[in-house]
Amino acid sequence: IDGHLNIVFDCFGPPLHGWDPEKGKSTDRSGF
């Protein structure tokens, strides 16, 4: 939940603290 649940692609939330959602591990973009 901490390091890999993607706040943008998994949670449909905003990128925070300048975080780049494309750098997430095991990323699933299917929802977007």
Full PDB file with SEQRES, HELIX, SHEET, SSBOND, CRYST1, ORIGX, SCALE, CONECT and MASTER records, all heavy atoms in Angstrom:
SEQRES   1 A   32  ILE ASP GLY HIS LEU ASN ILE VAL PHE ASP CYS PHE GLY          
SEQRES   2 A   32  PRO PRO LEU HIS GLY TRP ASP PRO GLU LYS GLY LYS SER          
SEQRES   3 A   32  THR ASP ARG SER GLY PHE                                      
HELIX    1 AA1 PRO A   21  LYS A   23  5                                   3    
CRYST1    1.000    1.000    1.000  90.00  90.00  90.00 P 1           1          
ORIGX1      1.000000  0.000000  0.000000        0.00000                         
ORIGX2      0.000000  1.000000  0.000000        0.00000                         
ORIGX3      0.000000  0.000000  1.000000        0.00000                         
SCALE1      1.000000  0.000000  0.000000        0.00000                         
SCALE2      0.000000  1.000000  0.000000        0.00000                         
SCALE3      0.000000  0.000000  1.000000        0.00000                         
ATOM      1  N   ILE A   1       0.846  -1.195   0.000  1.00  0.00           N  
ATOM      2  CA  ILE A   1       0.000   0.000   0.000  1.00  0.00           C  
ATOM      3  C   ILE A   1       0.883   1.246   0.000  1.00  0.00           C  
ATOM      4  O   ILE A   1       0.638   2.214  -0.723  1.00  0.00           O  
ATOM      5  CB  ILE A   1      -0.918   0.017   1.242  1.00  0.00           C  
ATOM      6  CG1 ILE A   1      -1.855  -1.194   1.267  1.00  0.00           C  
ATOM      7  CG2 ILE A   1      -1.718   1.325   1.298  1.00  0.00           C  
ATOM      8  CD1 ILE A   1      -2.980  -1.170   0.305  1.00  0.00           C  
ATOM      9  N   ASP A   2       1.957   1.191   0.760  1.00  0.00           N  
ATOM     10  CA  ASP A   2       2.852   2.342   0.888  1.00  0.00           C  
ATOM     11  C   ASP A   2       3.604   2.608  -0.414  1.00  0.00           C  
ATOM     12  O   ASP A   2       3.411   3.644  -1.055  1.00  0.00           O  
ATOM     13  CB  ASP A   2       3.833   2.079   2.036  1.00  0.00           C  
ATOM     14  CG  ASP A   2       4.743   3.257   2.320  1.00  0.00           C  
ATOM     15  OD1 ASP A   2       4.579   4.315   1.671  1.00  0.00           O  
ATOM     16  OD2 ASP A   2       5.632   3.129   3.181  1.00  0.00           O  
ATOM     17  N   GLY A   3       4.435   1.689  -0.834  1.00  0.00           N  
ATOM     18  CA  GLY A   3       5.360   1.967  -1.916  1.00  0.00           C  
ATOM     19  C   GLY A   3       4.893   1.641  -3.318  1.00  0.00           C  
ATOM     20  O   GLY A   3       5.490   2.121  -4.285  1.00  0.00           O  
ATOM     21  N   HIS A   4       3.817   0.840  -3.466  1.00  0.00           N  
ATOM     22  CA  HIS A   4       3.473   0.343  -4.786  1.00  0.00           C  
ATOM     23  C   HIS A   4       2.040   0.615  -5.228  1.00  0.00           C  
ATOM     24  O   HIS A   4       1.761   0.597  -6.426  1.00  0.00           O  
ATOM     25  CB  HIS A   4       3.727  -1.168  -4.847  1.00  0.00           C  
ATOM     26  CG  HIS A   4       5.122  -1.536  -4.429  1.00  0.00           C  
ATOM     27  ND1 HIS A   4       5.382  -2.393  -3.387  1.00  0.00           N  
ATOM     28  CD2 HIS A   4       6.338  -1.130  -4.889  1.00  0.00           C  
ATOM     29  CE1 HIS A   4       6.695  -2.519  -3.237  1.00  0.00           C  
ATOM     30  NE2 HIS A   4       7.289  -1.756  -4.125  1.00  0.00           N  
ATOM     31  N   LEU A   5       1.128   0.833  -4.283  1.00  0.00           N  
ATOM     32  CA  LEU A   5      -0.236   1.194  -4.679  1.00  0.00           C  
ATOM     33  C   LEU A   5      -0.180   2.609  -5.242  1.00  0.00           C  
ATOM     34  O   LEU A   5       0.121   3.562  -4.530  1.00  0.00           O  
ATOM     35  CB  LEU A   5      -1.179   1.122  -3.482  1.00  0.00           C  
ATOM     36  CG  LEU A   5      -2.668   1.301  -3.811  1.00  0.00           C  
ATOM     37  CD1 LEU A   5      -3.224   0.070  -4.528  1.00  0.00           C  
ATOM     38  CD2 LEU A   5      -3.479   1.559  -2.541  1.00  0.00           C  
ATOM     39  N   ASN A   6      -0.477   2.726  -6.515  1.00  0.00           N  
ATOM     40  CA  ASN A   6      -0.263   3.972  -7.249  1.00  0.00           C  
ATOM     41  C   ASN A   6      -1.397   4.954  -6.965  1.00  0.00           C  
ATOM     42  O   ASN A   6      -2.562   4.673  -7.259  1.00  0.00           O  
ATOM     43  CB  ASN A   6      -0.186   3.657  -8.745  1.00  0.00           C  
ATOM     44  CG  ASN A   6       0.346   4.805  -9.556  1.00  0.00           C  
ATOM     45  OD1 ASN A   6      -0.210   5.897  -9.547  1.00  0.00           O  
ATOM     46  ND2 ASN A   6       1.420   4.559 -10.294  1.00  0.00           N  
ATOM     47  N   ILE A   7      -1.053   6.098  -6.385  1.00  0.00           N  
ATOM     48  CA  ILE A   7      -2.080   7.045  -5.960  1.00  0.00           C  
ATOM     49  C   ILE A   7      -2.887   7.582  -7.140  1.00  0.00           C  
ATOM     50  O   ILE A   7      -4.068   7.911  -7.004  1.00  0.00           O  
ATOM     51  CB  ILE A   7      -1.453   8.206  -5.150  1.00  0.00           C  
ATOM     52  CG1 ILE A   7      -2.544   8.965  -4.391  1.00  0.00           C  
ATOM     53  CG2 ILE A   7      -0.640   9.125  -6.037  1.00  0.00           C  
ATOM     54  CD1 ILE A   7      -2.006   9.937  -3.365  1.00  0.00           C  
ATOM     55  N   VAL A   8      -2.297   7.636  -8.323  1.00  0.00           N  
ATOM     56  CA  VAL A   8      -3.002   8.123  -9.512  1.00  0.00           C  
ATOM     57  C   VAL A   8      -3.724   6.987 -10.214  1.00  0.00           C  
ATOM     58  O   VAL A   8      -4.933   7.027 -10.416  1.00  0.00           O  
ATOM     59  CB  VAL A   8      -2.025   8.824 -10.469  1.00  0.00           C  
ATOM     60  CG1 VAL A   8      -2.718   9.199 -11.783  1.00  0.00           C  
ATOM     61  CG2 VAL A   8      -1.447  10.073  -9.811  1.00  0.00           C  
ATOM     62  N   PHE A   9      -2.995   5.931 -10.601  1.00  0.00           N  
ATOM     63  CA  PHE A   9      -3.574   4.890 -11.441  1.00  0.00           C  
ATOM     64  C   PHE A   9      -4.435   3.897 -10.663  1.00  0.00           C  
ATOM     65  O   PHE A   9      -5.388   3.334 -11.208  1.00  0.00           O  
ATOM     66  CB  PHE A   9      -2.469   4.137 -12.191  1.00  0.00           C  
ATOM     67  CG  PHE A   9      -1.722   4.999 -13.158  1.00  0.00           C  
ATOM     68  CD1 PHE A   9      -0.340   5.057 -13.134  1.00  0.00           C  
ATOM     69  CD2 PHE A   9      -2.394   5.763 -14.093  1.00  0.00           C  
ATOM     70  CE1 PHE A   9       0.360   5.858 -14.028  1.00  0.00           C  
ATOM     71  CE2 PHE A   9      -1.708   6.576 -14.984  1.00  0.00           C  
ATOM     72  CZ  PHE A   9      -0.332   6.616 -14.956  1.00  0.00           C  
ATOM     73  N   ASP A  10      -4.103   3.644  -9.383  1.00  0.00           N  
ATOM     74  CA  ASP A  10      -4.891   2.720  -8.576  1.00  0.00           C  
ATOM     75  C   ASP A  10      -5.986   3.425  -7.779  1.00  0.00           C  
ATOM     76  O   ASP A  10      -7.067   2.880  -7.588  1.00  0.00           O  
ATOM     77  CB  ASP A  10      -4.003   1.957  -7.591  1.00  0.00           C  
ATOM     78  CG  ASP A  10      -3.162   0.889  -8.275  1.00  0.00           C  
ATOM     79  OD1 ASP A  10      -3.698   0.169  -9.128  1.00  0.00           O  
ATOM     80  OD2 ASP A  10      -1.965   0.790  -7.969  1.00  0.00           O  
ATOM     81  N   CYS A  11      -5.673   4.626  -7.289  1.00  0.00           N  
ATOM     82  CA  CYS A  11      -6.596   5.322  -6.384  1.00  0.00           C  
ATOM     83  C   CYS A  11      -7.365   6.449  -7.061  1.00  0.00           C  
ATOM     84  O   CYS A  11      -8.239   7.049  -6.437  1.00  0.00           O  
ATOM     85  CB  CYS A  11      -5.820   5.896  -5.196  1.00  0.00           C  
ATOM     86  SG  CYS A  11      -4.961   4.667  -4.197  1.00  0.00           S  
ATOM     87  N   PHE A  12      -7.025   6.759  -8.326  1.00  0.00           N  
ATOM     88  CA  PHE A  12      -7.666   7.861  -9.052  1.00  0.00           C  
ATOM     89  C   PHE A  12      -7.559   9.162  -8.272  1.00  0.00           C  
ATOM     90  O   PHE A  12      -8.474   9.977  -8.221  1.00  0.00           O  
ATOM     91  CB  PHE A  12      -9.129   7.521  -9.366  1.00  0.00           C  
ATOM     92  CG  PHE A  12      -9.280   6.256 -10.164  1.00  0.00           C  
ATOM     93  CD1 PHE A  12      -9.610   5.056  -9.548  1.00  0.00           C  
ATOM     94  CD2 PHE A  12      -9.064   6.265 -11.536  1.00  0.00           C  
ATOM     95  CE1 PHE A  12      -9.729   3.890 -10.286  1.00  0.00           C  
ATOM     96  CE2 PHE A  12      -9.169   5.102 -12.282  1.00  0.00           C  
ATOM     97  CZ  PHE A  12      -9.505   3.908 -11.664  1.00  0.00           C  
ATOM     98  N   GLY A  13      -6.395   9.317  -7.609  1.00  0.00           N  
ATOM     99  CA  GLY A  13      -6.128  10.531  -6.848  1.00  0.00           C  
ATOM    100  C   GLY A  13      -5.134  11.412  -7.569  1.00  0.00           C  
ATOM    101  O   GLY A  13      -4.647  11.095  -8.656  1.00  0.00           O  
ATOM    102  N   PRO A  14      -4.783  12.535  -6.963  1.00  0.00           N  
ATOM    103  CA  PRO A  14      -3.831  13.474  -7.583  1.00  0.00           C  
ATOM    104  C   PRO A  14      -2.404  13.111  -7.224  1.00  0.00           C  
ATOM    105  O   PRO A  14      -2.136  12.574  -6.141  1.00  0.00           O  
ATOM    106  CB  PRO A  14      -4.223  14.806  -6.952  1.00  0.00           C  
ATOM    107  CG  PRO A  14      -4.676  14.413  -5.576  1.00  0.00           C  
ATOM    108  CD  PRO A  14      -5.334  13.060  -5.710  1.00  0.00           C  
ATOM    109  N   PRO A  15      -1.442  13.402  -8.102  1.00  0.00           N  
ATOM    110  CA  PRO A  15      -0.034  13.236  -7.704  1.00  0.00           C  
ATOM    111  C   PRO A  15       0.303  14.233  -6.599  1.00  0.00           C  
ATOM    112  O   PRO A  15      -0.094  15.394  -6.666  1.00  0.00           O  
ATOM    113  CB  PRO A  15       0.729  13.521  -8.994  1.00  0.00           C  
ATOM    114  CG  PRO A  15      -0.194  14.355  -9.820  1.00  0.00           C  
ATOM    115  CD  PRO A  15      -1.587  13.925  -9.472  1.00  0.00           C  
ATOM    116  N   LEU A  16       0.988  13.752  -5.589  1.00  0.00           N  
ATOM    117  CA  LEU A  16       1.318  14.605  -4.441  1.00  0.00           C  
ATOM    118  C   LEU A  16       2.823  14.728  -4.270  1.00  0.00           C  
ATOM    119  O   LEU A  16       3.583  13.830  -4.662  1.00  0.00           O  
ATOM    120  CB  LEU A  16       0.718  14.026  -3.162  1.00  0.00           C  
ATOM    121  CG  LEU A  16      -0.807  13.916  -3.097  1.00  0.00           C  
ATOM    122  CD1 LEU A  16      -1.223  13.253  -1.794  1.00  0.00           C  
ATOM    123  CD2 LEU A  16      -1.456  15.280  -3.236  1.00  0.00           C  
ATOM    124  N   HIS A  17       3.264  15.834  -3.680  1.00  0.00           N  
ATOM    125  CA  HIS A  17       4.666  16.051  -3.322  1.00  0.00           C  
ATOM    126  C   HIS A  17       5.585  15.915  -4.533  1.00  0.00           C  
ATOM    127  O   HIS A  17       6.718  15.421  -4.418  1.00  0.00           O  
ATOM    128  CB  HIS A  17       5.107  15.083  -2.215  1.00  0.00           C  
ATOM    129  CG  HIS A  17       4.177  15.037  -1.053  1.00  0.00           C  
ATOM    130  ND1 HIS A  17       3.893  16.149  -0.274  1.00  0.00           N  
ATOM    131  CD2 HIS A  17       3.423  14.025  -0.534  1.00  0.00           C  
ATOM    132  CE1 HIS A  17       3.037  15.811   0.670  1.00  0.00           C  
ATOM    133  NE2 HIS A  17       2.735  14.532   0.530  1.00  0.00           N  
ATOM    134  N   GLY A  18       5.086  16.277  -5.707  1.00  0.00           N  
ATOM    135  CA  GLY A  18       5.908  16.196  -6.901  1.00  0.00           C  
ATOM    136  C   GLY A  18       6.168  14.782  -7.377  1.00  0.00           C  
ATOM    137  O   GLY A  18       7.032  14.548  -8.220  1.00  0.00           O  
ATOM    138  N   TRP A  19       5.409  13.828  -6.843  1.00  0.00           N  
ATOM    139  CA  TRP A  19       5.615  12.412  -7.179  1.00  0.00           C  
ATOM    140  C   TRP A  19       5.196  12.139  -8.616  1.00  0.00           C  
ATOM    141  O   TRP A  19       4.159  12.610  -9.079  1.00  0.00           O  
ATOM    142  CB  TRP A  19       4.803  11.559  -6.209  1.00  0.00           C  
ATOM    143  CG  TRP A  19       4.894  10.083  -6.459  1.00  0.00           C  
ATOM    144  CD1 TRP A  19       5.964   9.278  -6.241  1.00  0.00           C  
ATOM    145  CD2 TRP A  19       3.853   9.245  -6.946  1.00  0.00           C  
ATOM    146  NE1 TRP A  19       5.665   7.992  -6.573  1.00  0.00           N  
ATOM    147  CE2 TRP A  19       4.371   7.932  -7.007  1.00  0.00           C  
ATOM    148  CE3 TRP A  19       2.534   9.468  -7.338  1.00  0.00           C  
ATOM    149  CZ2 TRP A  19       3.614   6.862  -7.436  1.00  0.00           C  
ATOM    150  CZ3 TRP A  19       1.782   8.391  -7.772  1.00  0.00           C  
ATOM    151  CH2 TRP A  19       2.319   7.112  -7.823  1.00  0.00           C  
ATOM    152  N   ASP A  20       6.015  11.367  -9.318  1.00  0.00           N  
ATOM    153  CA  ASP A  20       5.740  11.006 -10.702  1.00  0.00           C  
ATOM    154  C   ASP A  20       5.047   9.649 -10.734  1.00  0.00           C  
ATOM    155  O   ASP A  20       5.670   8.622 -10.406  1.00  0.00           O  
ATOM    156  CB  ASP A  20       7.043  10.942 -11.495  1.00  0.00           C  
ATOM    157  CG  ASP A  20       6.820  10.593 -12.961  1.00  0.00           C  
ATOM    158  OD1 ASP A  20       5.656  10.368 -13.353  1.00  0.00           O  
ATOM    159  OD2 ASP A  20       7.819  10.525 -13.713  1.00  0.00           O  
ATOM    160  N   PRO A  21       3.764   9.578 -11.117  1.00  0.00           N  
ATOM    161  CA  PRO A  21       3.038   8.300 -11.090  1.00  0.00           C  
ATOM    162  C   PRO A  21       3.623   7.262 -12.035  1.00  0.00           C  
ATOM    163  O   PRO A  21       3.420   6.068 -11.850  1.00  0.00           O  
ATOM    164  CB  PRO A  21       1.617   8.698 -11.511  1.00  0.00           C  
ATOM    165  CG  PRO A  21       1.766   9.969 -12.263  1.00  0.00           C  
ATOM    166  CD  PRO A  21       2.908  10.676 -11.601  1.00  0.00           C  
ATOM    167  N   GLU A  22       4.357   7.697 -13.040  1.00  0.00           N  
ATOM    168  CA  GLU A  22       4.929   6.756 -13.991  1.00  0.00           C  
ATOM    169  C   GLU A  22       6.077   5.948 -13.387  1.00  0.00           C  
ATOM    170  O   GLU A  22       6.511   4.947 -13.954  1.00  0.00           O  
ATOM    171  CB  GLU A  22       5.429   7.501 -15.238  1.00  0.00           C  
ATOM    172  CG  GLU A  22       4.333   8.217 -16.012  1.00  0.00           C  
ATOM    173  CD  GLU A  22       3.333   7.260 -16.656  1.00  0.00           C  
ATOM    174  OE1 GLU A  22       3.673   6.081 -16.827  1.00  0.00           O  
ATOM    175  OE2 GLU A  22       2.218   7.708 -16.974  1.00  0.00           O  
ATOM    176  N   LYS A  23       6.574   6.361 -12.222  1.00  0.00           N  
ATOM    177  CA  LYS A  23       7.696   5.658 -11.601  1.00  0.00           C  
ATOM    178  C   LYS A  23       7.246   4.540 -10.676  1.00  0.00           C  
ATOM    179  O   LYS A  23       8.075   3.850 -10.096  1.00  0.00           O  
ATOM    180  CB  LYS A  23       8.564   6.653 -10.817  1.00  0.00           C  
ATOM    181  CG  LYS A  23       9.327   7.636 -11.705  1.00  0.00           C  
ATOM    182  CD  LYS A  23      10.220   8.533 -10.879  1.00  0.00           C  
ATOM    183  CE  LYS A  23      11.005   9.493 -11.768  1.00  0.00           C  
ATOM    184  NZ  LYS A  23      11.870  10.406 -10.988  1.00  0.00           N  
ATOM    185  N   GLY A  24       5.965   4.350 -10.518  1.00  0.00           N  
ATOM    186  CA  GLY A  24       5.471   3.309  -9.638  1.00  0.00           C  
ATOM    187  C   GLY A  24       5.836   1.922 -10.134  1.00  0.00           C  
ATOM    188  O   GLY A  24       5.948   1.681 -11.331  1.00  0.00           O  
ATOM    189  N   LYS A  25       6.059   1.000  -9.212  1.00  0.00           N  
ATOM    190  CA  LYS A  25       6.398  -0.366  -9.572  1.00  0.00           C  
ATOM    191  C   LYS A  25       5.133  -1.188  -9.802  1.00  0.00           C  
ATOM    192  O   LYS A  25       4.108  -0.967  -9.184  1.00  0.00           O  
ATOM    193  CB  LYS A  25       7.250  -1.003  -8.473  1.00  0.00           C  
ATOM    194  CG  LYS A  25       8.615  -0.334  -8.299  1.00  0.00           C  
ATOM    195  CD  LYS A  25       9.445  -1.066  -7.264  1.00  0.00           C  
ATOM    196  CE  LYS A  25      10.824  -0.448  -7.141  1.00  0.00           C  
ATOM    197  NZ  LYS A  25      11.670  -1.161  -6.171  1.00  0.00           N  
ATOM    198  N   SER A  26       5.245  -2.167 -10.693  1.00  0.00           N  
ATOM    199  CA  SER A  26       4.107  -3.050 -11.017  1.00  0.00           C  
ATOM    200  C   SER A  26       2.859  -2.220 -11.298  1.00  0.00           C  
ATOM    201  O   SER A  26       1.769  -2.493 -10.790  1.00  0.00           O  
ATOM    202  CB  SER A  26       3.864  -4.045  -9.882  1.00  0.00           C  
ATOM    203  OG  SER A  26       4.975  -4.900  -9.731  1.00  0.00           O  
ATOM    204  N   THR A  27       3.025  -1.186 -12.102  1.00  0.00           N  
ATOM    205  CA  THR A  27       1.953  -0.230 -12.361  1.00  0.00           C  
ATOM    206  C   THR A  27       0.896  -0.812 -13.286  1.00  0.00           C  
ATOM    207  O   THR A  27       1.210  -1.500 -14.254  1.00  0.00           O  
ATOM    208  CB  THR A  27       2.534   1.051 -12.989  1.00  0.00           C  
ATOM    209  OG1 THR A  27       3.507   1.583 -12.099  1.00  0.00           O  
ATOM    210  CG2 THR A  27       1.450   2.084 -13.236  1.00  0.00           C  
ATOM    211  N   ASP A  28      -0.368  -0.542 -12.984  1.00  0.00           N  
ATOM    212  CA  ASP A  28      -1.500  -0.967 -13.807  1.00  0.00           C  
ATOM    213  C   ASP A  28      -2.248   0.293 -14.252  1.00  0.00           C  
ATOM    214  O   ASP A  28      -2.877   0.966 -13.444  1.00  0.00           O  
ATOM    215  CB  ASP A  28      -2.415  -1.885 -12.998  1.00  0.00           C  
ATOM    216  CG  ASP A  28      -3.588  -2.427 -13.809  1.00  0.00           C  
ATOM    217  OD1 ASP A  28      -3.850  -1.897 -14.909  1.00  0.00           O  
ATOM    218  OD2 ASP A  28      -4.249  -3.377 -13.340  1.00  0.00           O  
ATOM    219  N   ARG A  29      -2.189   0.600 -15.531  1.00  0.00           N  
ATOM    220  CA  ARG A  29      -2.826   1.809 -16.062  1.00  0.00           C  
ATOM    221  C   ARG A  29      -4.193   1.537 -16.680  1.00  0.00           C  
ATOM    222  O   ARG A  29      -4.766   2.412 -17.321  1.00  0.00           O  
ATOM    223  CB  ARG A  29      -1.903   2.458 -17.102  1.00  0.00           C  
ATOM    224  CG  ARG A  29      -0.553   2.893 -16.547  1.00  0.00           C  
ATOM    225  CD  ARG A  29       0.406   3.315 -17.648  1.00  0.00           C  
ATOM    226  NE  ARG A  29       1.693   3.775 -17.127  1.00  0.00           N  
ATOM    227  CZ  ARG A  29       2.679   2.964 -16.726  1.00  0.00           C  
ATOM    228  NH1 ARG A  29       2.518   1.652 -16.810  1.00  0.00           N  
ATOM    229  NH2 ARG A  29       3.802   3.465 -16.257  1.00  0.00           N  
ATOM    230  N   SER A  30      -4.712   0.331 -16.498  1.00  0.00           N  
ATOM    231  CA  SER A  30      -5.941  -0.057 -17.197  1.00  0.00           C  
ATOM    232  C   SER A  30      -7.124   0.820 -16.809  1.00  0.00           C  
ATOM    233  O   SER A  30      -7.976   1.137 -17.649  1.00  0.00           O  
ATOM    234  CB  SER A  30      -6.269  -1.527 -16.920  1.00  0.00           C  
ATOM    235  OG  SER A  30      -6.490  -1.755 -15.538  1.00  0.00           O  
ATOM    236  N   GLY A  31      -7.197   1.229 -15.544  1.00  0.00           N  
ATOM    237  CA  GLY A  31      -8.295   2.073 -15.125  1.00  0.00           C  
ATOM    238  C   GLY A  31      -8.271   3.432 -15.801  1.00  0.00           C  
ATOM    239  O   GLY A  31      -9.310   3.942 -16.231  1.00  0.00           O  
ATOM    240  N   PHE A  32      -7.086   4.020 -15.890  1.00  0.00           N  
ATOM    241  CA  PHE A  32      -6.976   5.315 -16.559  1.00  0.00           C  
ATOM    242  C   PHE A  32      -7.326   5.208 -18.030  1.00  0.00           C  
ATOM    243  O   PHE A  32      -7.951   6.094 -18.612  1.00  0.00           O  
ATOM    244  CB  PHE A  32      -5.574   5.888 -16.362  1.00  0.00           C  
ATOM    245  CG  PHE A  32      -5.563   7.114 -15.492  1.00  0.00           C  
ATOM    246  CD1 PHE A  32      -6.085   7.056 -14.201  1.00  0.00           C  
ATOM    247  CD2 PHE A  32      -5.074   8.319 -15.948  1.00  0.00           C  
ATOM    248  CE1 PHE A  32      -6.092   8.173 -13.391  1.00  0.00           C  
ATOM    249  CE2 PHE A  32      -5.084   9.446 -15.142  1.00  0.00           C  
ATOM    250  CZ  PHE A  32      -5.588   9.381 -13.865  1.00  0.00           C  
TER     251      PHE A  32                                                      
MASTER        0    0    0    1    0    0    0    6  250    1    0    3          
END                                                                             
